[in-house]
């Protein structure tokens, strides 16, 4: 019983440390080699990794989380064109002062 309680506490702490945000890709976007169709996605940030999912598809990537002085007015995505694809390099989360730098 103690082991089960300890396991539940560990799971609860790991879920509590992860942060979830919403983002909308307006064009086909590539993250970590996986192309995501335009649409609404959830972003789960947990320390140095990010999971971008929409229920049908999910992709995990390493991320550097940066905090800026002033909160962003809206969510914006910075891309880099490579091989005819839009690779997501940075996501600025609206209403927060959090910037995600994807590797």
PDB file of N, CA and C in Angstrom:
ATOM      1  N   UNK A   1       0.825  -1.201   0.000  1.00  0.00           N
ATOM      2  CA  UNK A   1       0.000   0.000   0.000  1.00  0.00           C
ATOM      3  C   UNK A   1       0.865   1.259   0.000  1.00  0.00           C
ATOM      4  N   UNK A   2       1.970   1.232   0.757  1.00  0.00           N
ATOM      5  CA  UNK A   2       2.850   2.397   0.806  1.00  0.00           C
ATOM      6  C   UNK A   2       3.499   2.650  -0.551  1.00  0.00           C
ATOM      7  N   UNK A   3       3.823   1.567  -1.268  1.00  0.00           N
ATOM      8  CA  UNK A   3       4.439   1.716  -2.583  1.00  0.00           C
ATOM      9  C   UNK A   3       3.460   2.366  -3.560  1.00  0.00           C
ATOM     10  N   UNK A   4       2.204   1.961  -3.502  1.00  0.00           N
ATOM     11  CA  UNK A   4       1.185   2.537  -4.372  1.00  0.00           C
ATOM     12  C   UNK A   4       1.000   4.023  -4.076  1.00  0.00           C
ATOM     13  N   UNK A   5       0.967   4.373  -2.797  1.00  0.00           N
ATOM     14  CA  UNK A   5       0.816   5.767  -2.407  1.00  0.00           C
ATOM     15  C   UNK A   5       2.011   6.590  -2.884  1.00  0.00           C
ATOM     16  N   UNK A   6       3.212   6.048  -2.742  1.00  0.00           N
ATOM     17  CA  UNK A   6       4.412   6.737  -3.208  1.00  0.00           C
ATOM     18  C   UNK A   6       4.373   6.932  -4.726  1.00  0.00           C
ATOM     19  N   UNK A   7       3.956   5.907  -5.460  1.00  0.00           N
ATOM     20  CA  UNK A   7       3.847   6.002  -6.915  1.00  0.00           C
ATOM     21  C   UNK A   7       2.851   7.086  -7.319  1.00  0.00           C
ATOM     22  N   UNK A   8       1.708   7.143  -6.657  1.00  0.00           N
ATOM     23  CA  UNK A   8       0.712   8.169  -6.955  1.00  0.00           C
ATOM     24  C   UNK A   8       1.244   9.571  -6.677  1.00  0.00           C
ATOM     25  N   UNK A   9       2.022   9.721  -5.615  1.00  0.00           N
ATOM     26  CA  UNK A   9       2.617  11.027  -5.303  1.00  0.00           C
ATOM     27  C   UNK A   9       3.616  11.447  -6.369  1.00  0.00           C
ATOM     28  N   UNK A  10       4.432  10.522  -6.834  1.00  0.00           N
ATOM     29  CA  UNK A  10       5.420  10.826  -7.866  1.00  0.00           C
ATOM     30  C   UNK A  10       4.718  11.237  -9.161  1.00  0.00           C
ATOM     31  N   UNK A  11       3.684  10.505  -9.545  1.00  0.00           N
ATOM     32  CA  UNK A  11       2.933  10.829 -10.760  1.00  0.00           C
ATOM     33  C   UNK A  11       2.273  12.201 -10.615  1.00  0.00           C
ATOM     34  N   UNK A  12       1.689  12.478  -9.482  1.00  0.00           N
ATOM     35  CA  UNK A  12       1.027  13.770  -9.268  1.00  0.00           C
ATOM     36  C   UNK A  12       2.024  14.922  -9.344  1.00  0.00           C
ATOM     37  N   UNK A  13       3.198  14.751  -8.778  1.00  0.00           N
ATOM     38  CA  UNK A  13       4.216  15.798  -8.846  1.00  0.00           C
ATOM     39  C   UNK A  13       4.711  16.021 -10.261  1.00  0.00           C
ATOM     40  N   UNK A  14       4.877  14.959 -11.021  1.00  0.00           N
ATOM     41  CA  UNK A  14       5.355  15.119 -12.398  1.00  0.00           C
ATOM     42  C   UNK A  14       4.302  15.800 -13.267  1.00  0.00           C
ATOM     43  N   UNK A  15       3.050  15.502 -13.048  1.00  0.00           N
ATOM     44  CA  UNK A  15       1.969  16.157 -13.797  1.00  0.00           C
ATOM     45  C   UNK A  15       1.865  17.621 -13.389  1.00  0.00           C
ATOM     46  N   UNK A  16       2.040  17.891 -12.101  1.00  0.00           N
ATOM     47  CA  UNK A  16       1.937  19.265 -11.616  1.00  0.00           C
ATOM     48  C   UNK A  16       3.071  20.136 -12.142  1.00  0.00           C
ATOM     49  N   UNK A  17       4.233  19.553 -12.383  1.00  0.00           N
ATOM     50  CA  UNK A  17       5.359  20.346 -12.864  1.00  0.00           C
ATOM     51  C   UNK A  17       5.244  20.655 -14.358  1.00  0.00           C
ATOM     52  N   UNK A  18       4.485  19.885 -15.104  1.00  0.00           N
ATOM     53  CA  UNK A  18       4.307  20.131 -16.535  1.00  0.00           C
ATOM     54  C   UNK A  18       3.287  21.253 -16.727  1.00  0.00           C
ATOM     55  N   UNK A  19       3.523  22.099 -17.725  1.00  0.00           N
ATOM     56  CA  UNK A  19       2.604  23.196 -18.036  1.00  0.00           C
ATOM     57  C   UNK A  19       2.024  22.955 -19.408  1.00  0.00           C
ATOM     58  N   UNK A  20       0.731  23.270 -19.567  1.00  0.00           N
ATOM     59  CA  UNK A  20       0.035  23.039 -20.827  1.00  0.00           C
ATOM     60  C   UNK A  20      -0.441  24.364 -21.408  1.00  0.00           C
ATOM     61  N   UNK A  21      -0.238  24.515 -22.718  1.00  0.00           N
ATOM     62  CA  UNK A  21      -0.646  25.713 -23.444  1.00  0.00           C
ATOM     63  C   UNK A  21      -1.351  25.295 -24.732  1.00  0.00           C
ATOM     64  N   UNK A  22      -2.037  26.231 -25.347  1.00  0.00           N
ATOM     65  CA  UNK A  22      -2.696  25.982 -26.635  1.00  0.00           C
ATOM     66  C   UNK A  22      -2.019  26.819 -27.704  1.00  0.00           C
ATOM     67  N   UNK A  23      -1.900  26.253 -28.899  1.00  0.00           N
ATOM     68  CA  UNK A  23      -1.316  26.964 -30.028  1.00  0.00           C
ATOM     69  C   UNK A  23      -2.045  26.529 -31.293  1.00  0.00           C
ATOM     70  N   UNK A  24      -2.102  27.424 -32.274  1.00  0.00           N
ATOM     71  CA  UNK A  24      -2.737  27.112 -33.549  1.00  0.00           C
ATOM     72  C   UNK A  24      -1.726  27.316 -34.660  1.00  0.00           C
ATOM     73  N   UNK A  25      -1.450  26.250 -35.414  1.00  0.00           N
ATOM     74  CA  UNK A  25      -0.578  26.335 -36.576  1.00  0.00           C
ATOM     75  C   UNK A  25      -1.450  26.673 -37.780  1.00  0.00           C
ATOM     76  N   UNK A  26      -1.118  27.743 -38.490  1.00  0.00           N
ATOM     77  CA  UNK A  26      -1.894  28.167 -39.648  1.00  0.00           C
ATOM     78  C   UNK A  26      -1.399  27.540 -40.945  1.00  0.00           C
ATOM     79  N   UNK A  27      -0.204  26.961 -40.908  1.00  0.00           N
ATOM     80  CA  UNK A  27       0.398  26.324 -42.080  1.00  0.00           C
ATOM     81  C   UNK A  27       1.026  25.009 -41.634  1.00  0.00           C
ATOM     82  N   UNK A  28       1.280  24.085 -42.565  1.00  0.00           N
ATOM     83  CA  UNK A  28       1.986  22.855 -42.191  1.00  0.00           C
ATOM     84  C   UNK A  28       3.306  23.228 -41.507  1.00  0.00           C
ATOM     85  N   UNK A  29       3.531  22.681 -40.320  1.00  0.00           N
ATOM     86  CA  UNK A  29       4.689  23.042 -39.499  1.00  0.00           C
ATOM     87  C   UNK A  29       5.450  21.789 -39.109  1.00  0.00           C
ATOM     88  N   UNK A  30       6.773  21.867 -39.174  1.00  0.00           N
ATOM     89  CA  UNK A  30       7.606  20.711 -38.856  1.00  0.00           C
ATOM     90  C   UNK A  30       8.296  20.918 -37.519  1.00  0.00           C
ATOM     91  N   UNK A  31       8.176  19.896 -36.673  1.00  0.00           N
ATOM     92  CA  UNK A  31       8.865  19.877 -35.386  1.00  0.00           C
ATOM     93  C   UNK A  31       9.595  18.555 -35.279  1.00  0.00           C
ATOM     94  N   UNK A  32      10.888  18.642 -35.062  1.00  0.00           N
ATOM     95  CA  UNK A  32      11.716  17.448 -34.876  1.00  0.00           C
ATOM     96  C   UNK A  32      11.545  16.446 -36.017  1.00  0.00           C
ATOM     97  N   UNK A  33      11.409  16.948 -37.247  1.00  0.00           N
ATOM     98  CA  UNK A  33      11.288  16.091 -38.422  1.00  0.00           C
ATOM     99  C   UNK A  33       9.889  15.596 -38.719  1.00  0.00           C
ATOM    100  N   UNK A  34       8.931  15.911 -37.857  1.00  0.00           N
ATOM    101  CA  UNK A  34       7.542  15.482 -38.048  1.00  0.00           C
ATOM    102  C   UNK A  34       6.701  16.667 -38.511  1.00  0.00           C
ATOM    103  N   UNK A  35       6.024  16.498 -39.646  1.00  0.00           N
ATOM    104  CA  UNK A  35       5.179  17.577 -40.157  1.00  0.00           C
ATOM    105  C   UNK A  35       3.801  17.497 -39.523  1.00  0.00           C
ATOM    106  N   UNK A  36       3.362  18.623 -38.992  1.00  0.00           N
ATOM    107  CA  UNK A  36       2.046  18.736 -38.363  1.00  0.00           C
ATOM    108  C   UNK A  36       1.134  19.540 -39.279  1.00  0.00           C
ATOM    109  N   UNK A  37      -0.071  19.046 -39.465  1.00  0.00           N
ATOM    110  CA  UNK A  37      -1.057  19.735 -40.296  1.00  0.00           C
ATOM    111  C   UNK A  37      -1.535  20.999 -39.586  1.00  0.00           C
ATOM    112  N   UNK A  38      -2.022  21.973 -40.333  1.00  0.00           N
ATOM    113  CA  UNK A  38      -2.581  23.165 -39.700  1.00  0.00           C
ATOM    114  C   UNK A  38      -3.717  22.784 -38.750  1.00  0.00           C
ATOM    115  N   UNK A  39      -3.822  23.511 -37.654  1.00  0.00           N
ATOM    116  CA  UNK A  39      -4.894  23.239 -36.699  1.00  0.00           C
ATOM    117  C   UNK A  39      -4.493  23.591 -35.281  1.00  0.00           C
ATOM    118  N   UNK A  40      -5.374  23.240 -34.349  1.00  0.00           N
ATOM    119  CA  UNK A  40      -5.177  23.529 -32.928  1.00  0.00           C
ATOM    120  C   UNK A  40      -4.396  22.400 -32.264  1.00  0.00           C
ATOM    121  N   UNK A  41      -3.425  22.776 -31.429  1.00  0.00           N
ATOM    122  CA  UNK A  41      -2.571  21.811 -30.744  1.00  0.00           C
ATOM    123  C   UNK A  41      -2.402  22.205 -29.285  1.00  0.00           C
ATOM    124  N   UNK A  42      -2.092  21.202 -28.474  1.00  0.00           N
ATOM    125  CA  UNK A  42      -1.721  21.412 -27.078  1.00  0.00           C
ATOM    126  C   UNK A  42      -0.213  21.293 -26.976  1.00  0.00           C
ATOM    127  N   UNK A  43       0.365  22.130 -26.156  1.00  0.00           N
ATOM    128  CA  UNK A  43       1.801  22.067 -25.899  1.00  0.00           C
ATOM    129  C   UNK A  43       1.976  21.777 -24.416  1.00  0.00           C
ATOM    130  N   UNK A  44       2.610  20.659 -24.112  1.00  0.00           N
ATOM    131  CA  UNK A  44       2.949  20.307 -22.734  1.00  0.00           C
ATOM    132  C   UNK A  44       4.442  20.507 -22.553  1.00  0.00           C
ATOM    133  N   UNK A  45       4.800  21.403 -21.645  1.00  0.00           N
ATOM    134  CA  UNK A  45       6.202  21.720 -21.391  1.00  0.00           C
ATOM    135  C   UNK A  45       6.596  21.125 -20.056  1.00  0.00           C
ATOM    136  N   UNK A  46       7.671  20.346 -20.068  1.00  0.00           N
ATOM    137  CA  UNK A  46       8.184  19.741 -18.848  1.00  0.00           C
ATOM    138  C   UNK A  46       9.701  19.883 -18.851  1.00  0.00           C
ATOM    139  N   UNK A  47      10.184  20.906 -18.165  1.00  0.00           N
ATOM    140  CA  UNK A  47      11.606  21.228 -18.068  1.00  0.00           C
ATOM    141  C   UNK A  47      12.253  21.389 -19.435  1.00  0.00           C
ATOM    142  N   UNK A  48      12.965  20.367 -19.929  1.00  0.00           N
ATOM    143  CA  UNK A  48      13.716  20.534 -21.182  1.00  0.00           C
ATOM    144  C   UNK A  48      13.088  19.821 -22.368  1.00  0.00           C
ATOM    145  N   UNK A  49      11.822  19.410 -22.251  1.00  0.00           N
ATOM    146  CA  UNK A  49      11.164  18.793 -23.403  1.00  0.00           C
ATOM    147  C   UNK A  49       9.757  19.340 -23.552  1.00  0.00           C
ATOM    148  N   UNK A  50       9.288  19.245 -24.786  1.00  0.00           N
ATOM    149  CA  UNK A  50       7.953  19.724 -25.106  1.00  0.00           C
ATOM    150  C   UNK A  50       7.254  18.635 -25.923  1.00  0.00           C
ATOM    151  N   UNK A  51       5.963  18.446 -25.651  1.00  0.00           N
ATOM    152  CA  UNK A  51       5.151  17.519 -26.431  1.00  0.00           C
ATOM    153  C   UNK A  51       4.038  18.336 -27.076  1.00  0.00           C
ATOM    154  N   UNK A  52       3.977  18.290 -28.398  1.00  0.00           N
ATOM    155  CA  UNK A  52       2.958  19.005 -29.159  1.00  0.00           C
ATOM    156  C   UNK A  52       1.994  17.952 -29.694  1.00  0.00           C
ATOM    157  N   UNK A  53       0.706  18.082 -29.361  1.00  0.00           N
ATOM    158  CA  UNK A  53      -0.256  17.054 -29.772  1.00  0.00           C
ATOM    159  C   UNK A  53      -1.608  17.670 -30.098  1.00  0.00           C
ATOM    160  N   UNK A  54      -2.374  16.912 -30.877  1.00  0.00           N
ATOM    161  CA  UNK A  54      -3.744  17.330 -31.192  1.00  0.00           C
ATOM    162  C   UNK A  54      -4.726  16.182 -31.044  1.00  0.00           C
ATOM    163  N   UNK A  55      -4.358  15.157 -30.330  1.00  0.00           N
ATOM    164  CA  UNK A  55      -5.229  13.998 -30.152  1.00  0.00           C
ATOM    165  C   UNK A  55      -4.947  12.903 -31.149  1.00  0.00           C
ATOM    166  N   UNK A  56      -4.654  13.264 -32.399  1.00  0.00           N
ATOM    167  CA  UNK A  56      -4.368  12.294 -33.448  1.00  0.00           C
ATOM    168  C   UNK A  56      -2.876  12.065 -33.580  1.00  0.00           C
ATOM    169  N   UNK A  57      -2.112  13.100 -33.328  1.00  0.00           N
ATOM    170  CA  UNK A  57      -0.687  13.074 -33.592  1.00  0.00           C
ATOM    171  C   UNK A  57       0.039  13.780 -32.451  1.00  0.00           C
ATOM    172  N   UNK A  58       1.232  13.282 -32.113  1.00  0.00           N
ATOM    173  CA  UNK A  58       2.041  13.919 -31.081  1.00  0.00           C
ATOM    174  C   UNK A  58       3.500  13.849 -31.483  1.00  0.00           C
ATOM    175  N   UNK A  59       4.239  14.887 -31.133  1.00  0.00           N
ATOM    176  CA  UNK A  59       5.672  14.925 -31.412  1.00  0.00           C
ATOM    177  C   UNK A  59       6.358  15.508 -30.180  1.00  0.00           C
ATOM    178  N   UNK A  60       7.506  14.929 -29.842  1.00  0.00           N
ATOM    179  CA  UNK A  60       8.300  15.373 -28.701  1.00  0.00           C
ATOM    180  C   UNK A  60       9.587  15.999 -29.216  1.00  0.00           C
ATOM    181  N   UNK A  61      10.006  17.073 -28.580  1.00  0.00           N
ATOM    182  CA  UNK A  61      11.252  17.741 -28.973  1.00  0.00           C
ATOM    183  C   UNK A  61      11.923  18.324 -27.733  1.00  0.00           C
ATOM    184  N   UNK A  62      13.219  18.481 -27.826  1.00  0.00           N
ATOM    185  CA  UNK A  62      13.959  19.166 -26.778  1.00  0.00           C
ATOM    186  C   UNK A  62      13.693  20.652 -26.899  1.00  0.00           C
ATOM    187  N   UNK A  63      13.648  21.320 -25.773  1.00  0.00           N
ATOM    188  CA  UNK A  63      13.309  22.736 -25.770  1.00  0.00           C
ATOM    189  C   UNK A  63      14.112  23.448 -24.690  1.00  0.00           C
ATOM    190  N   UNK A  64      14.432  24.701 -24.977  1.00  0.00           N
ATOM    191  CA  UNK A  64      15.035  25.569 -23.978  1.00  0.00           C
ATOM    192  C   UNK A  64      13.968  26.589 -23.612  1.00  0.00           C
ATOM    193  N   UNK A  65      13.592  26.635 -22.362  1.00  0.00           N
ATOM    194  CA  UNK A  65      12.561  27.563 -21.901  1.00  0.00           C
ATOM    195  C   UNK A  65      13.251  28.835 -21.422  1.00  0.00           C
ATOM    196  N   UNK A  66      12.851  29.961 -21.994  1.00  0.00           N
ATOM    197  CA  UNK A  66      13.408  31.248 -21.606  1.00  0.00           C
ATOM    198  C   UNK A  66      12.298  32.131 -21.053  1.00  0.00           C
ATOM    199  N   UNK A  67      12.662  32.954 -20.089  1.00  0.00           N
ATOM    200  CA  UNK A  67      11.727  33.908 -19.503  1.00  0.00           C
ATOM    201  C   UNK A  67      12.188  35.311 -19.889  1.00  0.00           C
ATOM    202  N   UNK A  68      11.267  36.077 -20.439  1.00  0.00           N
ATOM    203  CA  UNK A  68      11.575  37.445 -20.845  1.00  0.00           C
ATOM    204  C   UNK A  68      10.959  38.422 -19.847  1.00  0.00           C
ATOM    205  N   UNK A  69      11.342  39.691 -19.948  1.00  0.00           N
ATOM    206  CA  UNK A  69      10.885  40.696 -18.985  1.00  0.00           C
ATOM    207  C   UNK A  69       9.400  41.021 -19.108  1.00  0.00           C
ATOM    208  N   UNK A  70       8.931  41.160 -20.338  1.00  0.00           N
ATOM    209  CA  UNK A  70       7.554  41.607 -20.587  1.00  0.00           C
ATOM    210  C   UNK A  70       6.732  40.465 -21.184  1.00  0.00           C
ATOM    211  N   UNK A  71       5.512  40.217 -20.684  1.00  0.00           N
ATOM    212  CA  UNK A  71       4.671  39.161 -21.262  1.00  0.00           C
ATOM    213  C   UNK A  71       4.335  39.435 -22.730  1.00  0.00           C
ATOM    214  N   UNK A  72       4.199  38.377 -23.493  1.00  0.00           N
ATOM    215  CA  UNK A  72       3.827  38.491 -24.905  1.00  0.00           C
ATOM    216  C   UNK A  72       2.333  38.769 -25.015  1.00  0.00           C
ATOM    217  N   UNK A  73       1.950  39.658 -25.931  1.00  0.00           N
ATOM    218  CA  UNK A  73       0.540  39.999 -26.125  1.00  0.00           C
ATOM    219  C   UNK A  73      -0.248  38.828 -26.709  1.00  0.00           C
ATOM    220  N   UNK A  74       0.377  38.114 -27.632  1.00  0.00           N
ATOM    221  CA  UNK A  74      -0.288  36.983 -28.276  1.00  0.00           C
ATOM    222  C   UNK A  74       0.733  35.892 -28.554  1.00  0.00           C
ATOM    223  N   UNK A  75       0.239  34.701 -28.799  1.00  0.00           N
ATOM    224  CA  UNK A  75       1.119  33.594 -29.136  1.00  0.00           C
ATOM    225  C   UNK A  75       1.622  33.768 -30.560  1.00  0.00           C
ATOM    226  N   UNK A  76       2.921  33.600 -30.733  1.00  0.00           N
ATOM    227  CA  UNK A  76       3.491  33.692 -32.071  1.00  0.00           C
ATOM    228  C   UNK A  76       4.516  32.578 -32.253  1.00  0.00           C
ATOM    229  N   UNK A  77       4.700  32.213 -33.514  1.00  0.00           N
ATOM    230  CA  UNK A  77       5.595  31.107 -33.862  1.00  0.00           C
ATOM    231  C   UNK A  77       6.643  31.635 -34.829  1.00  0.00           C
ATOM    232  N   UNK A  78       7.885  31.333 -34.564  1.00  0.00           N
ATOM    233  CA  UNK A  78       8.996  31.714 -35.437  1.00  0.00           C
ATOM    234  C   UNK A  78       9.446  30.464 -36.186  1.00  0.00           C
ATOM    235  N   UNK A  79       9.568  30.587 -37.493  1.00  0.00           N
ATOM    236  CA  UNK A  79       9.937  29.462 -38.347  1.00  0.00           C
ATOM    237  C   UNK A  79      11.296  29.687 -38.997  1.00  0.00           C
ATOM    238  N   UNK A  80      11.868  28.596 -39.465  1.00  0.00           N
ATOM    239  CA  UNK A  80      13.045  28.644 -40.320  1.00  0.00           C
ATOM    240  C   UNK A  80      12.739  27.779 -41.537  1.00  0.00           C
ATOM    241  N   UNK A  81      12.917  28.339 -42.735  1.00  0.00           N
ATOM    242  CA  UNK A  81      12.682  27.584 -43.969  1.00  0.00           C
ATOM    243  C   UNK A  81      13.873  26.664 -44.208  1.00  0.00           C
ATOM    244  N   UNK A  82      13.594  25.366 -44.321  1.00  0.00           N
ATOM    245  CA  UNK A  82      14.639  24.388 -44.615  1.00  0.00           C
ATOM    246  C   UNK A  82      14.050  23.322 -45.524  1.00  0.00           C
ATOM    247  N   UNK A  83      14.638  23.135 -46.682  1.00  0.00           N
ATOM    248  CA  UNK A  83      14.172  22.100 -47.596  1.00  0.00           C
ATOM    249  C   UNK A  83      12.723  22.248 -48.009  1.00  0.00           C
ATOM    250  N   UNK A  84      12.254  23.480 -48.136  1.00  0.00           N
ATOM    251  CA  UNK A  84      10.875  23.714 -48.548  1.00  0.00           C
ATOM    252  C   UNK A  84       9.857  23.519 -47.430  1.00  0.00           C
ATOM    253  N   UNK A  85      10.312  23.334 -46.190  1.00  0.00           N
ATOM    254  CA  UNK A  85       9.406  23.131 -45.054  1.00  0.00           C
ATOM    255  C   UNK A  85       9.582  24.250 -44.047  1.00  0.00           C
ATOM    256  N   UNK A  86       8.528  24.478 -43.278  1.00  0.00           N
ATOM    257  CA  UNK A  86       8.579  25.456 -42.194  1.00  0.00           C
ATOM    258  C   UNK A  86       8.904  24.724 -40.898  1.00  0.00           C
ATOM    259  N   UNK A  87      10.128  24.886 -40.418  1.00  0.00           N
ATOM    260  CA  UNK A  87      10.547  24.259 -39.168  1.00  0.00           C
ATOM    261  C   UNK A  87      10.329  25.230 -38.012  1.00  0.00           C
ATOM    262  N   UNK A  88       9.595  24.780 -37.006  1.00  0.00           N
ATOM    263  CA  UNK A  88       9.329  25.613 -35.832  1.00  0.00           C
ATOM    264  C   UNK A  88      10.622  25.738 -35.029  1.00  0.00           C
ATOM    265  N   UNK A  89      11.046  26.975 -34.787  1.00  0.00           N
ATOM    266  CA  UNK A  89      12.267  27.233 -34.025  1.00  0.00           C
ATOM    267  C   UNK A  89      11.972  27.889 -32.685  1.00  0.00           C
ATOM    268  N   UNK A  90      10.854  28.620 -32.618  1.00  0.00           N
ATOM    269  CA  UNK A  90      10.549  29.360 -31.398  1.00  0.00           C
ATOM    270  C   UNK A  90       9.050  29.553 -31.277  1.00  0.00           C
ATOM    271  N   UNK A  91       8.538  29.394 -30.063  1.00  0.00           N
ATOM    272  CA  UNK A  91       7.125  29.664 -29.787  1.00  0.00           C
ATOM    273  C   UNK A  91       7.074  30.632 -28.614  1.00  0.00           C
ATOM    274  N   UNK A  92       6.452  31.775 -28.835  1.00  0.00           N
ATOM    275  CA  UNK A  92       6.257  32.777 -27.793  1.00  0.00           C
ATOM    276  C   UNK A  92       4.819  32.656 -27.314  1.00  0.00           C
ATOM    277  N   UNK A  93       4.645  32.339 -26.051  1.00  0.00           N
ATOM    278  CA  UNK A  93       3.323  32.024 -25.516  1.00  0.00           C
ATOM    279  C   UNK A  93       2.615  33.275 -25.025  1.00  0.00           C
ATOM    280  N   UNK A  94       1.514  33.606 -25.705  1.00  0.00           N
ATOM    281  CA  UNK A  94       0.735  34.803 -25.378  1.00  0.00           C
ATOM    282  C   UNK A  94       0.213  34.788 -23.962  1.00  0.00           C
ATOM    283  N   UNK A  95       0.256  35.960 -23.311  1.00  0.00           N
ATOM    284  CA  UNK A  95      -0.230  36.090 -21.942  1.00  0.00           C
ATOM    285  C   UNK A  95       0.801  35.650 -20.907  1.00  0.00           C
ATOM    286  N   UNK A  96       1.958  35.188 -21.366  1.00  0.00           N
ATOM    287  CA  UNK A  96       3.019  34.775 -20.461  1.00  0.00           C
ATOM    288  C   UNK A  96       4.310  35.472 -20.875  1.00  0.00           C
ATOM    289  N   UNK A  97       5.327  35.311 -20.087  1.00  0.00           N
ATOM    290  CA  UNK A  97       6.640  35.806 -20.456  1.00  0.00           C
ATOM    291  C   UNK A  97       7.564  34.634 -20.799  1.00  0.00           C
ATOM    292  N   UNK A  98       6.964  33.562 -21.338  1.00  0.00           N
ATOM    293  CA  UNK A  98       7.683  32.329 -21.667  1.00  0.00           C
ATOM    294  C   UNK A  98       7.921  32.198 -23.162  1.00  0.00           C
ATOM    295  N   UNK A  99       9.175  31.892 -23.492  1.00  0.00           N
ATOM    296  CA  UNK A  99       9.573  31.671 -24.879  1.00  0.00           C
ATOM    297  C   UNK A  99      10.191  30.280 -24.952  1.00  0.00           C
ATOM    298  N   UNK A 100       9.719  29.461 -25.891  1.00  0.00           N
ATOM    299  CA  UNK A 100      10.223  28.105 -26.087  1.00  0.00           C
ATOM    300  C   UNK A 100      11.136  28.083 -27.309  1.00  0.00           C
ATOM    301  N   UNK A 101      12.380  27.730 -27.096  1.00  0.00           N
ATOM    302  CA  UNK A 101      13.361  27.631 -28.183  1.00  0.00           C
ATOM    303  C   UNK A 101      13.553  26.149 -28.491  1.00  0.00           C
ATOM    304  N   UNK A 102      13.053  25.713 -29.655  1.00  0.00           N
ATOM    305  CA  UNK A 102      13.158  24.301 -30.038  1.00  0.00           C
ATOM    306  C   UNK A 102      14.506  24.024 -30.669  1.00  0.00           C
ATOM    307  N   UNK A 103      15.065  22.868 -30.352  1.00  0.00           N
ATOM    308  CA  UNK A 103      16.354  22.464 -30.912  1.00  0.00           C
ATOM    309  C   UNK A 103      16.156  21.772 -32.240  1.00  0.00           C
TER     310      UNK A 103
END
